[in-house]
Every structure is written in structure tokens, then in C-alpha cells.
Amino acid sequence: MVTELWMILHGLEIAQRRGYTKVIVASNCIMVVDMTKKCSRITHSMALVRKIKEVSGQVSTVKFQFVNRERNKVADWLTKSCHSNDINLVYVDVPTPHVRRLLLKDIL
């Protein structure tokens, strides 16, 4: 759960730096979505949740939503393909053919 919060924070910071005004944060962890929406649950990650709220307040519109793993094949594939010790951040501006196929499956 903490890893997911860090990923959300970094994603929001990237969106802010790139000047995005509308961002949808989708997670397959309902607890993370609830924490970022309400900020009411007291956990050891509250400082991280507060930082997410602070950064999301600097973007015009941010929507946090739960999307189960079966409905987000791209995110599921990316998660499974990453190595736990891989610390490099990779930007993908154009989807690969494999990612395009997964996106089409998500739409269908």
C-alpha cells in the first residue's frame, strides 16, 4: 500500500510539472483510494497522504478512482513486468503495440 501511495505522489508530481490540468488517478487498491479521497484514516502513511493532497491541490482537477485489476490490463501488465529492485523511472509517451492491444481489450 505504501508503494502505491509513493507511485501516486510521483505521478501527480510529474503531471504537475508537465502542466496537466485534469488528472485521473486509478488504483486497484480500494484502501488507497479511500485514504486519498477522505484523508480520514489514521495510518503510518498519513504524511504521505497529506503530501498527495497537497500536490493534487496544485492541479486543477484530480479524480481518485478504484479500478479493479481485470478492468485495467495495462496497469496490471506494467506492475507484473517491473522488477522490485528497479529504481529507474521510465516515461512512455507513445504506447507500444503490446500496450495498444491491452488498451483495446480494456475498452472491449
PDB file of N, CA and C in Angstrom:
ATOM      1  N   MET A   1       0.820  -1.191   0.000  1.00  0.00           N
ATOM      2  CA  MET A   1       0.000   0.000   0.000  1.00  0.00           C
ATOM      3  C   MET A   1       0.871   1.265   0.000  1.00  0.00           C
ATOM      4  N   VAL A   2       1.956   1.256   0.744  1.00  0.00           N
ATOM      5  CA  VAL A   2       2.839   2.421   0.787  1.00  0.00           C
ATOM      6  C   VAL A   2       3.479   2.650  -0.579  1.00  0.00           C
ATOM      7  N   THR A   3       3.847   1.568  -1.253  1.00  0.00           N
ATOM      8  CA  THR A   3       4.431   1.694  -2.594  1.00  0.00           C
ATOM      9  C   THR A   3       3.443   2.349  -3.542  1.00  0.00           C
ATOM     10  N   GLU A   4       2.196   1.950  -3.448  1.00  0.00           N
ATOM     11  CA  GLU A   4       1.156   2.537  -4.309  1.00  0.00           C
ATOM     12  C   GLU A   4       1.005   4.031  -4.023  1.00  0.00           C
ATOM     13  N   LEU A   5       1.062   4.429  -2.767  1.00  0.00           N
ATOM     14  CA  LEU A   5       0.969   5.848  -2.412  1.00  0.00           C
ATOM     15  C   LEU A   5       2.149   6.630  -2.992  1.00  0.00           C
ATOM     16  N   TRP A   6       3.348   6.052  -2.920  1.00  0.00           N
ATOM     17  CA  TRP A   6       4.517   6.720  -3.499  1.00  0.00           C
ATOM     18  C   TRP A   6       4.360   6.866  -5.005  1.00  0.00           C
ATOM     19  N   MET A   7       3.837   5.833  -5.667  1.00  0.00           N
ATOM     20  CA  MET A   7       3.627   5.911  -7.118  1.00  0.00           C
ATOM     21  C   MET A   7       2.620   7.006  -7.463  1.00  0.00           C
ATOM     22  N   ILE A   8       1.568   7.117  -6.670  1.00  0.00           N
ATOM     23  CA  ILE A   8       0.568   8.171  -6.907  1.00  0.00           C
ATOM     24  C   ILE A   8       1.199   9.542  -6.738  1.00  0.00           C
ATOM     25  N   LEU A   9       1.975   9.717  -5.682  1.00  0.00           N
ATOM     26  CA  LEU A   9       2.635  11.001  -5.445  1.00  0.00           C
ATOM     27  C   LEU A   9       3.558  11.360  -6.605  1.00  0.00           C
ATOM     28  N   HIS A  10       4.389  10.427  -7.029  1.00  0.00           N
ATOM     29  CA  HIS A  10       5.304  10.713  -8.134  1.00  0.00           C
ATOM     30  C   HIS A  10       4.543  11.007  -9.424  1.00  0.00           C
ATOM     31  N   GLY A  11       3.481  10.267  -9.674  1.00  0.00           N
ATOM     32  CA  GLY A  11       2.673  10.515 -10.861  1.00  0.00           C
ATOM     33  C   GLY A  11       2.050  11.898 -10.856  1.00  0.00           C
ATOM     34  N   LEU A  12       1.541  12.307  -9.702  1.00  0.00           N
ATOM     35  CA  LEU A  12       0.956  13.645  -9.584  1.00  0.00           C
ATOM     36  C   LEU A  12       2.013  14.741  -9.760  1.00  0.00           C
ATOM     37  N   GLU A  13       3.200  14.510  -9.226  1.00  0.00           N
ATOM     38  CA  GLU A  13       4.275  15.489  -9.389  1.00  0.00           C
ATOM     39  C   GLU A  13       4.677  15.615 -10.857  1.00  0.00           C
ATOM     40  N   ILE A  14       4.716  14.502 -11.563  1.00  0.00           N
ATOM     41  CA  ILE A  14       5.033  14.529 -12.994  1.00  0.00           C
ATOM     42  C   ILE A  14       3.938  15.285 -13.751  1.00  0.00           C
ATOM     43  N   ALA A  15       2.691  14.980 -13.445  1.00  0.00           N
ATOM     44  CA  ALA A  15       1.567  15.656 -14.106  1.00  0.00           C
ATOM     45  C   ALA A  15       1.620  17.156 -13.862  1.00  0.00           C
ATOM     46  N   GLN A  16       1.931  17.539 -12.640  1.00  0.00           N
ATOM     47  CA  GLN A  16       2.021  18.965 -12.303  1.00  0.00           C
ATOM     48  C   GLN A  16       3.149  19.634 -13.081  1.00  0.00           C
ATOM     49  N   ARG A  17       4.325  19.002 -13.122  1.00  0.00           N
ATOM     50  CA  ARG A  17       5.466  19.572 -13.853  1.00  0.00           C
ATOM     51  C   ARG A  17       5.186  19.690 -15.345  1.00  0.00           C
ATOM     52  N   ARG A  18       4.414  18.768 -15.878  1.00  0.00           N
ATOM     53  CA  ARG A  18       4.097  18.803 -17.314  1.00  0.00           C
ATOM     54  C   ARG A  18       2.922  19.730 -17.622  1.00  0.00           C
ATOM     55  N   GLY A  19       2.339  20.303 -16.598  1.00  0.00           N
ATOM     56  CA  GLY A  19       1.286  21.281 -16.796  1.00  0.00           C
ATOM     57  C   GLY A  19      -0.099  20.704 -17.046  1.00  0.00           C
ATOM     58  N   TYR A  20      -0.311  19.452 -16.682  1.00  0.00           N
ATOM     59  CA  TYR A  20      -1.632  18.853 -16.865  1.00  0.00           C
ATOM     60  C   TYR A  20      -2.620  19.497 -15.896  1.00  0.00           C
ATOM     61  N   THR A  21      -3.837  19.751 -16.364  1.00  0.00           N
ATOM     62  CA  THR A  21      -4.840  20.382 -15.513  1.00  0.00           C
ATOM     63  C   THR A  21      -5.912  19.405 -15.067  1.00  0.00           C
ATOM     64  N   LYS A  22      -6.053  18.287 -15.759  1.00  0.00           N
ATOM     65  CA  LYS A  22      -7.036  17.265 -15.386  1.00  0.00           C
ATOM     66  C   LYS A  22      -6.341  15.916 -15.303  1.00  0.00           C
ATOM     67  N   VAL A  23      -6.418  15.286 -14.127  1.00  0.00           N
ATOM     68  CA  VAL A  23      -5.722  14.020 -13.894  1.00  0.00           C
ATOM     69  C   VAL A  23      -6.687  13.038 -13.245  1.00  0.00           C
ATOM     70  N   ILE A  24      -6.677  11.815 -13.736  1.00  0.00           N
ATOM     71  CA  ILE A  24      -7.422  10.732 -13.100  1.00  0.00           C
ATOM     72  C   ILE A  24      -6.402   9.765 -12.525  1.00  0.00           C
ATOM     73  N   VAL A  25      -6.481   9.522 -11.228  1.00  0.00           N
ATOM     74  CA  VAL A  25      -5.611   8.571 -10.549  1.00  0.00           C
ATOM     75  C   VAL A  25      -6.428   7.312 -10.325  1.00  0.00           C
ATOM     76  N   ALA A  26      -6.048   6.244 -11.009  1.00  0.00           N
ATOM     77  CA  ALA A  26      -6.767   4.975 -10.886  1.00  0.00           C
ATOM     78  C   ALA A  26      -5.905   3.990 -10.112  1.00  0.00           C
ATOM     79  N   SER A  27      -6.501   3.330  -9.149  1.00  0.00           N
ATOM     80  CA  SER A  27      -5.792   2.343  -8.335  1.00  0.00           C
ATOM     81  C   SER A  27      -6.669   1.114  -8.162  1.00  0.00           C
ATOM     82  N   ASN A  28      -6.015  -0.041  -8.058  1.00  0.00           N
ATOM     83  CA  ASN A  28      -6.770  -1.260  -7.791  1.00  0.00           C
ATOM     84  C   ASN A  28      -6.791  -1.584  -6.301  1.00  0.00           C
ATOM     85  N   CYS A  29      -6.392  -0.630  -5.485  1.00  0.00           N
ATOM     86  CA  CYS A  29      -6.421  -0.791  -4.032  1.00  0.00           C
ATOM     87  C   CYS A  29      -7.454   0.180  -3.455  1.00  0.00           C
ATOM     88  N   ILE A  30      -8.584  -0.361  -3.050  1.00  0.00           N
ATOM     89  CA  ILE A  30      -9.687   0.473  -2.557  1.00  0.00           C
ATOM     90  C   ILE A  30      -9.281   1.272  -1.314  1.00  0.00           C
ATOM     91  N   MET A  31      -8.424   0.694  -0.479  1.00  0.00           N
ATOM     92  CA  MET A  31      -7.991   1.416   0.728  1.00  0.00           C
ATOM     93  C   MET A  31      -7.183   2.656   0.372  1.00  0.00           C
ATOM     94  N   VAL A  32      -6.337   2.554  -0.655  1.00  0.00           N
ATOM     95  CA  VAL A  32      -5.542   3.706  -1.096  1.00  0.00           C
ATOM     96  C   VAL A  32      -6.456   4.792  -1.640  1.00  0.00           C
ATOM     97  N   VAL A  33      -7.435   4.395  -2.438  1.00  0.00           N
ATOM     98  CA  VAL A  33      -8.377   5.372  -2.997  1.00  0.00           C
ATOM     99  C   VAL A  33      -9.139   6.066  -1.875  1.00  0.00           C
ATOM    100  N   ASP A  34      -9.619   5.302  -0.908  1.00  0.00           N
ATOM    101  CA  ASP A  34     -10.339   5.894   0.222  1.00  0.00           C
ATOM    102  C   ASP A  34      -9.448   6.852   1.015  1.00  0.00           C
ATOM    103  N   MET A  35      -8.208   6.447   1.242  1.00  0.00           N
ATOM    104  CA  MET A  35      -7.300   7.306   2.010  1.00  0.00           C
ATOM    105  C   MET A  35      -7.041   8.619   1.287  1.00  0.00           C
ATOM    106  N   THR A  36      -6.839   8.565  -0.025  1.00  0.00           N
ATOM    107  CA  THR A  36      -6.531   9.786  -0.764  1.00  0.00           C
ATOM    108  C   THR A  36      -7.754  10.672  -0.944  1.00  0.00           C
ATOM    109  N   LYS A  37      -8.928  10.064  -0.980  1.00  0.00           N
ATOM    110  CA  LYS A  37     -10.154  10.862  -1.115  1.00  0.00           C
ATOM    111  C   LYS A  37     -10.532  11.541   0.198  1.00  0.00           C
ATOM    112  N   LYS A  38     -10.501  10.782   1.268  1.00  0.00           N
ATOM    113  CA  LYS A  38     -11.040  11.276   2.540  1.00  0.00           C
ATOM    114  C   LYS A  38      -9.976  11.766   3.503  1.00  0.00           C
ATOM    115  N   CYS A  39      -8.783  11.171   3.426  1.00  0.00           N
ATOM    116  CA  CYS A  39      -7.693  11.538   4.329  1.00  0.00           C
ATOM    117  C   CYS A  39      -8.138  11.435   5.791  1.00  0.00           C
ATOM    118  N   SER A  40      -9.031  10.481   6.057  1.00  0.00           N
ATOM    119  CA  SER A  40      -9.583  10.371   7.401  1.00  0.00           C
ATOM    120  C   SER A  40      -9.011   9.210   8.197  1.00  0.00           C
ATOM    121  N   ARG A  41      -8.434   8.266   7.522  1.00  0.00           N
ATOM    122  CA  ARG A  41      -7.912   7.082   8.186  1.00  0.00           C
ATOM    123  C   ARG A  41      -6.536   7.389   8.772  1.00  0.00           C
ATOM    124  N   ILE A  42      -6.330   7.057  10.017  1.00  0.00           N
ATOM    125  CA  ILE A  42      -5.056   7.328  10.665  1.00  0.00           C
ATOM    126  C   ILE A  42      -4.159   6.106  10.480  1.00  0.00           C
ATOM    127  N   THR A  43      -3.082   6.280   9.732  1.00  0.00           N
ATOM    128  CA  THR A  43      -2.130   5.209   9.479  1.00  0.00           C
ATOM    129  C   THR A  43      -0.726   5.784   9.546  1.00  0.00           C
ATOM    130  N   HIS A  44       0.240   4.898   9.414  1.00  0.00           N
ATOM    131  CA  HIS A  44       1.633   5.345   9.411  1.00  0.00           C
ATOM    132  C   HIS A  44       1.975   6.089   8.127  1.00  0.00           C
ATOM    133  N   SER A  45       1.077   6.099   7.167  1.00  0.00           N
ATOM    134  CA  SER A  45       1.308   6.753   5.877  1.00  0.00           C
ATOM    135  C   SER A  45       0.629   8.114   5.768  1.00  0.00           C
ATOM    136  N   MET A  46       0.153   8.667   6.868  1.00  0.00           N
ATOM    137  CA  MET A  46      -0.602   9.917   6.808  1.00  0.00           C
ATOM    138  C   MET A  46       0.204  11.079   6.230  1.00  0.00           C
ATOM    139  N   ALA A  47       1.500  11.149   6.528  1.00  0.00           N
ATOM    140  CA  ALA A  47       2.320  12.230   5.978  1.00  0.00           C
ATOM    141  C   ALA A  47       2.370  12.121   4.455  1.00  0.00           C
ATOM    142  N   LEU A  48       2.440  10.913   3.956  1.00  0.00           N
ATOM    143  CA  LEU A  48       2.457  10.678   2.517  1.00  0.00           C
ATOM    144  C   LEU A  48       1.112  11.041   1.890  1.00  0.00           C
ATOM    145  N   VAL A  49       0.026  10.688   2.550  1.00  0.00           N
ATOM    146  CA  VAL A  49      -1.318  11.033   2.061  1.00  0.00           C
ATOM    147  C   VAL A  49      -1.499  12.545   2.055  1.00  0.00           C
ATOM    148  N   ARG A  50      -1.024  13.218   3.090  1.00  0.00           N
ATOM    149  CA  ARG A  50      -1.123  14.682   3.132  1.00  0.00           C
ATOM    150  C   ARG A  50      -0.328  15.323   1.993  1.00  0.00           C
ATOM    151  N   LYS A  51       0.833  14.761   1.677  1.00  0.00           N
ATOM    152  CA  LYS A  51       1.644  15.284   0.574  1.00  0.00           C
ATOM    153  C   LYS A  51       0.913  15.067  -0.753  1.00  0.00           C
ATOM    154  N   ILE A  52       0.250  13.923  -0.923  1.00  0.00           N
ATOM    155  CA  ILE A  52      -0.548  13.664  -2.124  1.00  0.00           C
ATOM    156  C   ILE A  52      -1.649  14.702  -2.234  1.00  0.00           C
ATOM    157  N   LYS A  53      -2.324  14.996  -1.132  1.00  0.00           N
ATOM    158  CA  LYS A  53      -3.389  16.002  -1.142  1.00  0.00           C
ATOM    159  C   LYS A  53      -2.827  17.386  -1.484  1.00  0.00           C
ATOM    160  N   GLU A  54      -1.664  17.694  -0.961  1.00  0.00           N
ATOM    161  CA  GLU A  54      -1.038  18.988  -1.238  1.00  0.00           C
ATOM    162  C   GLU A  54      -0.716  19.136  -2.731  1.00  0.00           C
ATOM    163  N   VAL A  55      -0.106  18.116  -3.314  1.00  0.00           N
ATOM    164  CA  VAL A  55       0.251  18.174  -4.735  1.00  0.00           C
ATOM    165  C   VAL A  55      -1.012  18.158  -5.600  1.00  0.00           C
ATOM    166  N   SER A  56      -2.002  17.343  -5.233  1.00  0.00           N
ATOM    167  CA  SER A  56      -3.231  17.290  -6.035  1.00  0.00           C
ATOM    168  C   SER A  56      -3.985  18.617  -5.967  1.00  0.00           C
ATOM    169  N   GLY A  57      -3.801  19.366  -4.893  1.00  0.00           N
ATOM    170  CA  GLY A  57      -4.417  20.682  -4.787  1.00  0.00           C
ATOM    171  C   GLY A  57      -3.804  21.701  -5.735  1.00  0.00           C
ATOM    172  N   GLN A  58      -2.621  21.395  -6.265  1.00  0.00           N
ATOM    173  CA  GLN A  58      -1.945  22.294  -7.199  1.00  0.00           C
ATOM    174  C   GLN A  58      -2.292  21.980  -8.654  1.00  0.00           C
ATOM    175  N   VAL A  59      -3.073  20.906  -8.862  1.00  0.00           N
ATOM    176  CA  VAL A  59      -3.559  20.548 -10.194  1.00  0.00           C
ATOM    177  C   VAL A  59      -5.036  20.907 -10.215  1.00  0.00           C
ATOM    178  N   SER A  60      -5.496  21.469 -11.298  1.00  0.00           N
ATOM    179  CA  SER A  60      -6.863  21.973 -11.371  1.00  0.00           C
ATOM    180  C   SER A  60      -7.911  20.932 -10.968  1.00  0.00           C
ATOM    181  N   THR A  61      -7.884  19.765 -11.612  1.00  0.00           N
ATOM    182  CA  THR A  61      -8.866  18.721 -11.319  1.00  0.00           C
ATOM    183  C   THR A  61      -8.156  17.385 -11.168  1.00  0.00           C
ATOM    184  N   VAL A  62      -8.323  16.755 -10.015  1.00  0.00           N
ATOM    185  CA  VAL A  62      -7.777  15.419  -9.785  1.00  0.00           C
ATOM    186  C   VAL A  62      -8.903  14.539  -9.280  1.00  0.00           C
ATOM    187  N   LYS A  63      -9.078  13.409  -9.934  1.00  0.00           N
ATOM    188  CA  LYS A  63     -10.109  12.453  -9.545  1.00  0.00           C
ATOM    189  C   LYS A  63      -9.431  11.145  -9.158  1.00  0.00           C
ATOM    190  N   PHE A  64      -9.734  10.653  -7.957  1.00  0.00           N
ATOM    191  CA  PHE A  64      -9.214   9.373  -7.496  1.00  0.00           C
ATOM    192  C   PHE A  64     -10.311   8.336  -7.677  1.00  0.00           C
ATOM    193  N   GLN A  65      -9.965   7.216  -8.325  1.00  0.00           N
ATOM    194  CA  GLN A  65     -10.995   6.195  -8.535  1.00  0.00           C
ATOM    195  C   GLN A  65     -10.418   4.793  -8.412  1.00  0.00           C
ATOM    196  N   PHE A  66     -11.265   3.889  -7.976  1.00  0.00           N
ATOM    197  CA  PHE A  66     -10.914   2.473  -7.886  1.00  0.00           C
ATOM    198  C   PHE A  66     -11.215   1.802  -9.216  1.00  0.00           C
ATOM    199  N   VAL A  67     -10.253   1.067  -9.734  1.00  0.00           N
ATOM    200  CA  VAL A  67     -10.442   0.273 -10.948  1.00  0.00           C
ATOM    201  C   VAL A  67      -9.836  -1.093 -10.673  1.00  0.00           C
ATOM    202  N   ASN A  68     -10.678  -2.133 -10.723  1.00  0.00           N
ATOM    203  CA  ASN A  68     -10.131  -3.448 -10.407  1.00  0.00           C
ATOM    204  C   ASN A  68      -9.159  -3.902 -11.484  1.00  0.00           C
ATOM    205  N   ARG A  69      -8.320  -4.823 -11.091  1.00  0.00           N
ATOM    206  CA  ARG A  69      -7.224  -5.300 -11.934  1.00  0.00           C
ATOM    207  C   ARG A  69      -7.701  -5.811 -13.295  1.00  0.00           C
ATOM    208  N   GLU A  70      -8.838  -6.454 -13.324  1.00  0.00           N
ATOM    209  CA  GLU A  70      -9.356  -7.032 -14.567  1.00  0.00           C
ATOM    210  C   GLU A  70      -9.784  -5.953 -15.565  1.00  0.00           C
ATOM    211  N   ARG A  71     -10.074  -4.755 -15.095  1.00  0.00           N
ATOM    212  CA  ARG A  71     -10.515  -3.676 -15.981  1.00  0.00           C
ATOM    213  C   ARG A  71      -9.384  -2.721 -16.356  1.00  0.00           C
ATOM    214  N   ASN A  72      -8.187  -3.001 -15.883  1.00  0.00           N
ATOM    215  CA  ASN A  72      -7.044  -2.153 -16.217  1.00  0.00           C
ATOM    216  C   ASN A  72      -5.851  -3.045 -16.546  1.00  0.00           C
ATOM    217  N   LYS A  73      -5.896  -3.657 -17.691  1.00  0.00           N
ATOM    218  CA  LYS A  73      -4.898  -4.631 -18.098  1.00  0.00           C
ATOM    219  C   LYS A  73      -3.508  -4.016 -18.281  1.00  0.00           C
ATOM    220  N   VAL A  74      -3.445  -2.758 -18.713  1.00  0.00           N
ATOM    221  CA  VAL A  74      -2.150  -2.104 -18.914  1.00  0.00           C
ATOM    222  C   VAL A  74      -1.439  -1.926 -17.578  1.00  0.00           C
ATOM    223  N   ALA A  75      -2.132  -1.393 -16.598  1.00  0.00           N
ATOM    224  CA  ALA A  75      -1.520  -1.191 -15.279  1.00  0.00           C
ATOM    225  C   ALA A  75      -1.114  -2.522 -14.663  1.00  0.00           C
ATOM    226  N   ASP A  76      -1.957  -3.537 -14.825  1.00  0.00           N
ATOM    227  CA  ASP A  76      -1.646  -4.861 -14.294  1.00  0.00           C
ATOM    228  C   ASP A  76      -0.387  -5.412 -14.967  1.00  0.00           C
ATOM    229  N   TRP A  77      -0.290  -5.280 -16.282  1.00  0.00           N
ATOM    230  CA  TRP A  77       0.878  -5.766 -17.019  1.00  0.00           C
ATOM    231  C   TRP A  77       2.133  -5.004 -16.601  1.00  0.00           C
ATOM    232  N   LEU A  78       2.032  -3.671 -16.469  1.00  0.00           N
ATOM    233  CA  LEU A  78       3.193  -2.883 -16.063  1.00  0.00           C
ATOM    234  C   LEU A  78       3.676  -3.282 -14.673  1.00  0.00           C
ATOM    235  N   THR A  79       2.742  -3.505 -13.763  1.00  0.00           N
ATOM    236  CA  THR A  79       3.101  -3.905 -12.405  1.00  0.00           C
ATOM    237  C   THR A  79       3.827  -5.243 -12.402  1.00  0.00           C
ATOM    238  N   LYS A  80       3.305  -6.186 -13.167  1.00  0.00           N
ATOM    239  CA  LYS A  80       3.908  -7.519 -13.212  1.00  0.00           C
ATOM    240  C   LYS A  80       5.252  -7.518 -13.932  1.00  0.00           C
ATOM    241  N   SER A  81       5.446  -6.606 -14.862  1.00  0.00           N
ATOM    242  CA  SER A  81       6.683  -6.601 -15.638  1.00  0.00           C
ATOM    243  C   SER A  81       7.812  -5.830 -14.956  1.00  0.00           C
ATOM    244  N   CYS A  82       7.502  -5.067 -13.927  1.00  0.00           N
ATOM    245  CA  CYS A  82       8.534  -4.307 -13.208  1.00  0.00           C
ATOM    246  C   CYS A  82       9.224  -5.207 -12.199  1.00  0.00           C
ATOM    247  N   HIS A  83      10.485  -4.937 -12.006  1.00  0.00           N
ATOM    248  CA  HIS A  83      11.247  -5.666 -11.003  1.00  0.00           C
ATOM    249  C   HIS A  83      11.251  -4.867  -9.711  1.00  0.00           C
ATOM    250  N   SER A  84      11.163  -5.553  -8.593  1.00  0.00           N
ATOM    251  CA  SER A  84      11.063  -4.860  -7.308  1.00  0.00           C
ATOM    252  C   SER A  84      12.303  -4.027  -6.998  1.00  0.00           C
ATOM    253  N   ASN A  85      13.459  -4.385  -7.541  1.00  0.00           N
ATOM    254  CA  ASN A  85      14.667  -3.609  -7.258  1.00  0.00           C
ATOM    255  C   ASN A  85      14.976  -2.586  -8.349  1.00  0.00           C
ATOM    256  N   ASP A  86      14.099  -2.444  -9.331  1.00  0.00           N
ATOM    257  CA  ASP A  86      14.292  -1.488 -10.409  1.00  0.00           C
ATOM    258  C   ASP A  86      13.885  -0.102  -9.925  1.00  0.00           C
ATOM    259  N   ILE A  87      14.845   0.822  -9.857  1.00  0.00           N
ATOM    260  CA  ILE A  87      14.549   2.147  -9.317  1.00  0.00           C
ATOM    261  C   ILE A  87      14.520   3.223 -10.393  1.00  0.00           C
ATOM    262  N   ASN A  88      14.723   2.838 -11.645  1.00  0.00           N
ATOM    263  CA  ASN A  88      14.712   3.820 -12.727  1.00  0.00           C
ATOM    264  C   ASN A  88      13.287   4.124 -13.155  1.00  0.00           C
ATOM    265  N   LEU A  89      13.012   5.402 -13.364  1.00  0.00           N
ATOM    266  CA  LEU A  89      11.710   5.843 -13.848  1.00  0.00           C
ATOM    267  C   LEU A  89      11.780   5.973 -15.357  1.00  0.00           C
ATOM    268  N   VAL A  90      10.821   5.363 -16.033  1.00  0.00           N
ATOM    269  CA  VAL A  90      10.795   5.394 -17.492  1.00  0.00           C
ATOM    270  C   VAL A  90       9.508   6.065 -17.930  1.00  0.00           C
ATOM    271  N   TYR A  91       9.624   7.099 -18.770  1.00  0.00           N
ATOM    272  CA  TYR A  91       8.456   7.775 -19.339  1.00  0.00           C
ATOM    273  C   TYR A  91       8.109   7.097 -20.656  1.00  0.00           C
ATOM    274  N   VAL A  92       6.839   6.804 -20.828  1.00  0.00           N
ATOM    275  CA  VAL A  92       6.375   6.209 -22.075  1.00  0.00           C
ATOM    276  C   VAL A  92       5.330   7.156 -22.642  1.00  0.00           C
ATOM    277  N   ASP A  93       5.708   7.903 -23.671  1.00  0.00           N
ATOM    278  CA  ASP A  93       4.787   8.863 -24.276  1.00  0.00           C
ATOM    279  C   ASP A  93       3.934   8.238 -25.372  1.00  0.00           C
ATOM    280  N   VAL A  94       4.462   7.208 -26.023  1.00  0.00           N
ATOM    281  CA  VAL A  94       3.742   6.531 -27.098  1.00  0.00           C
ATOM    282  C   VAL A  94       3.622   5.060 -26.725  1.00  0.00           C
ATOM    283  N   PRO A  95       2.398   4.525 -26.687  1.00  0.00           N
ATOM    284  CA  PRO A  95       2.240   3.133 -26.276  1.00  0.00           C
ATOM    285  C   PRO A  95       2.841   2.157 -27.296  1.00  0.00           C
ATOM    286  N   THR A  96       3.432   1.103 -26.782  1.00  0.00           N
ATOM    287  CA  THR A  96       3.973   0.048 -27.638  1.00  0.00           C
ATOM    288  C   THR A  96       2.813  -0.731 -28.254  1.00  0.00           C
ATOM    289  N   PRO A  97       3.068  -1.517 -29.281  1.00  0.00           N
ATOM    290  CA  PRO A  97       1.987  -2.332 -29.859  1.00  0.00           C
ATOM    291  C   PRO A  97       1.313  -3.241 -28.827  1.00  0.00           C
ATOM    292  N   HIS A  98       2.094  -3.797 -27.902  1.00  0.00           N
ATOM    293  CA  HIS A  98       1.503  -4.658 -26.867  1.00  0.00           C
ATOM    294  C   HIS A  98       0.561  -3.857 -25.968  1.00  0.00           C
ATOM    295  N   VAL A  99       0.980  -2.674 -25.582  1.00  0.00           N
ATOM    296  CA  VAL A  99       0.136  -1.820 -24.734  1.00  0.00           C
ATOM    297  C   VAL A  99      -1.119  -1.401 -25.493  1.00  0.00           C
ATOM    298  N   ARG A 100      -1.002  -1.132 -26.765  1.00  0.00           N
ATOM    299  CA  ARG A 100      -2.191  -0.802 -27.577  1.00  0.00           C
ATOM    300  C   ARG A 100      -3.202  -1.941 -27.572  1.00  0.00           C
ATOM    301  N   ARG A 101      -2.714  -3.170 -27.719  1.00  0.00           N
ATOM    302  CA  ARG A 101      -3.623  -4.338 -27.683  1.00  0.00           C
ATOM    303  C   ARG A 101      -4.312  -4.443 -26.323  1.00  0.00           C
ATOM    304  N   LEU A 102      -3.563  -4.211 -25.242  1.00  0.00           N
ATOM    305  CA  LEU A 102      -4.163  -4.264 -23.906  1.00  0.00           C
ATOM    306  C   LEU A 102      -5.203  -3.163 -23.726  1.00  0.00           C
ATOM    307  N   LEU A 103      -4.920  -1.970 -24.240  1.00  0.00           N
ATOM    308  CA  LEU A 103      -5.885  -0.875 -24.156  1.00  0.00           C
ATOM    309  C   LEU A 103      -7.172  -1.231 -24.893  1.00  0.00           C
ATOM    310  N   LEU A 104      -7.044  -1.853 -26.051  1.00  0.00           N
ATOM    311  CA  LEU A 104      -8.236  -2.273 -26.793  1.00  0.00           C
ATOM    312  C   LEU A 104      -9.030  -3.316 -26.011  1.00  0.00           C
ATOM    313  N   LYS A 105      -8.334  -4.233 -25.331  1.00  0.00           N
ATOM    314  CA  LYS A 105      -9.041  -5.222 -24.508  1.00  0.00           C
ATOM    315  C   LYS A 105      -9.777  -4.539 -23.363  1.00  0.00           C
ATOM    316  N   ASP A 106      -9.151  -3.511 -22.774  1.00  0.00           N
ATOM    317  CA  ASP A 106      -9.804  -2.777 -21.683  1.00  0.00           C
ATOM    318  C   ASP A 106     -11.076  -2.098 -22.178  1.00  0.00           C
ATOM    319  N   ILE A 107     -11.020  -1.546 -23.387  1.00  0.00           N
ATOM    320  CA  ILE A 107     -12.196  -0.861 -23.947  1.00  0.00           C
ATOM    321  C   ILE A 107     -13.324  -1.850 -24.189  1.00  0.00           C
ATOM    322  N   LEU A 108     -12.956  -3.015 -24.731  1.00  0.00           N
ATOM    323  CA  LEU A 108     -13.977  -4.030 -25.040  1.00  0.00           C
ATOM    324  C   LEU A 108     -14.466  -4.671 -23.774  1.00  0.00           C
TER     325      LEU A 108
END
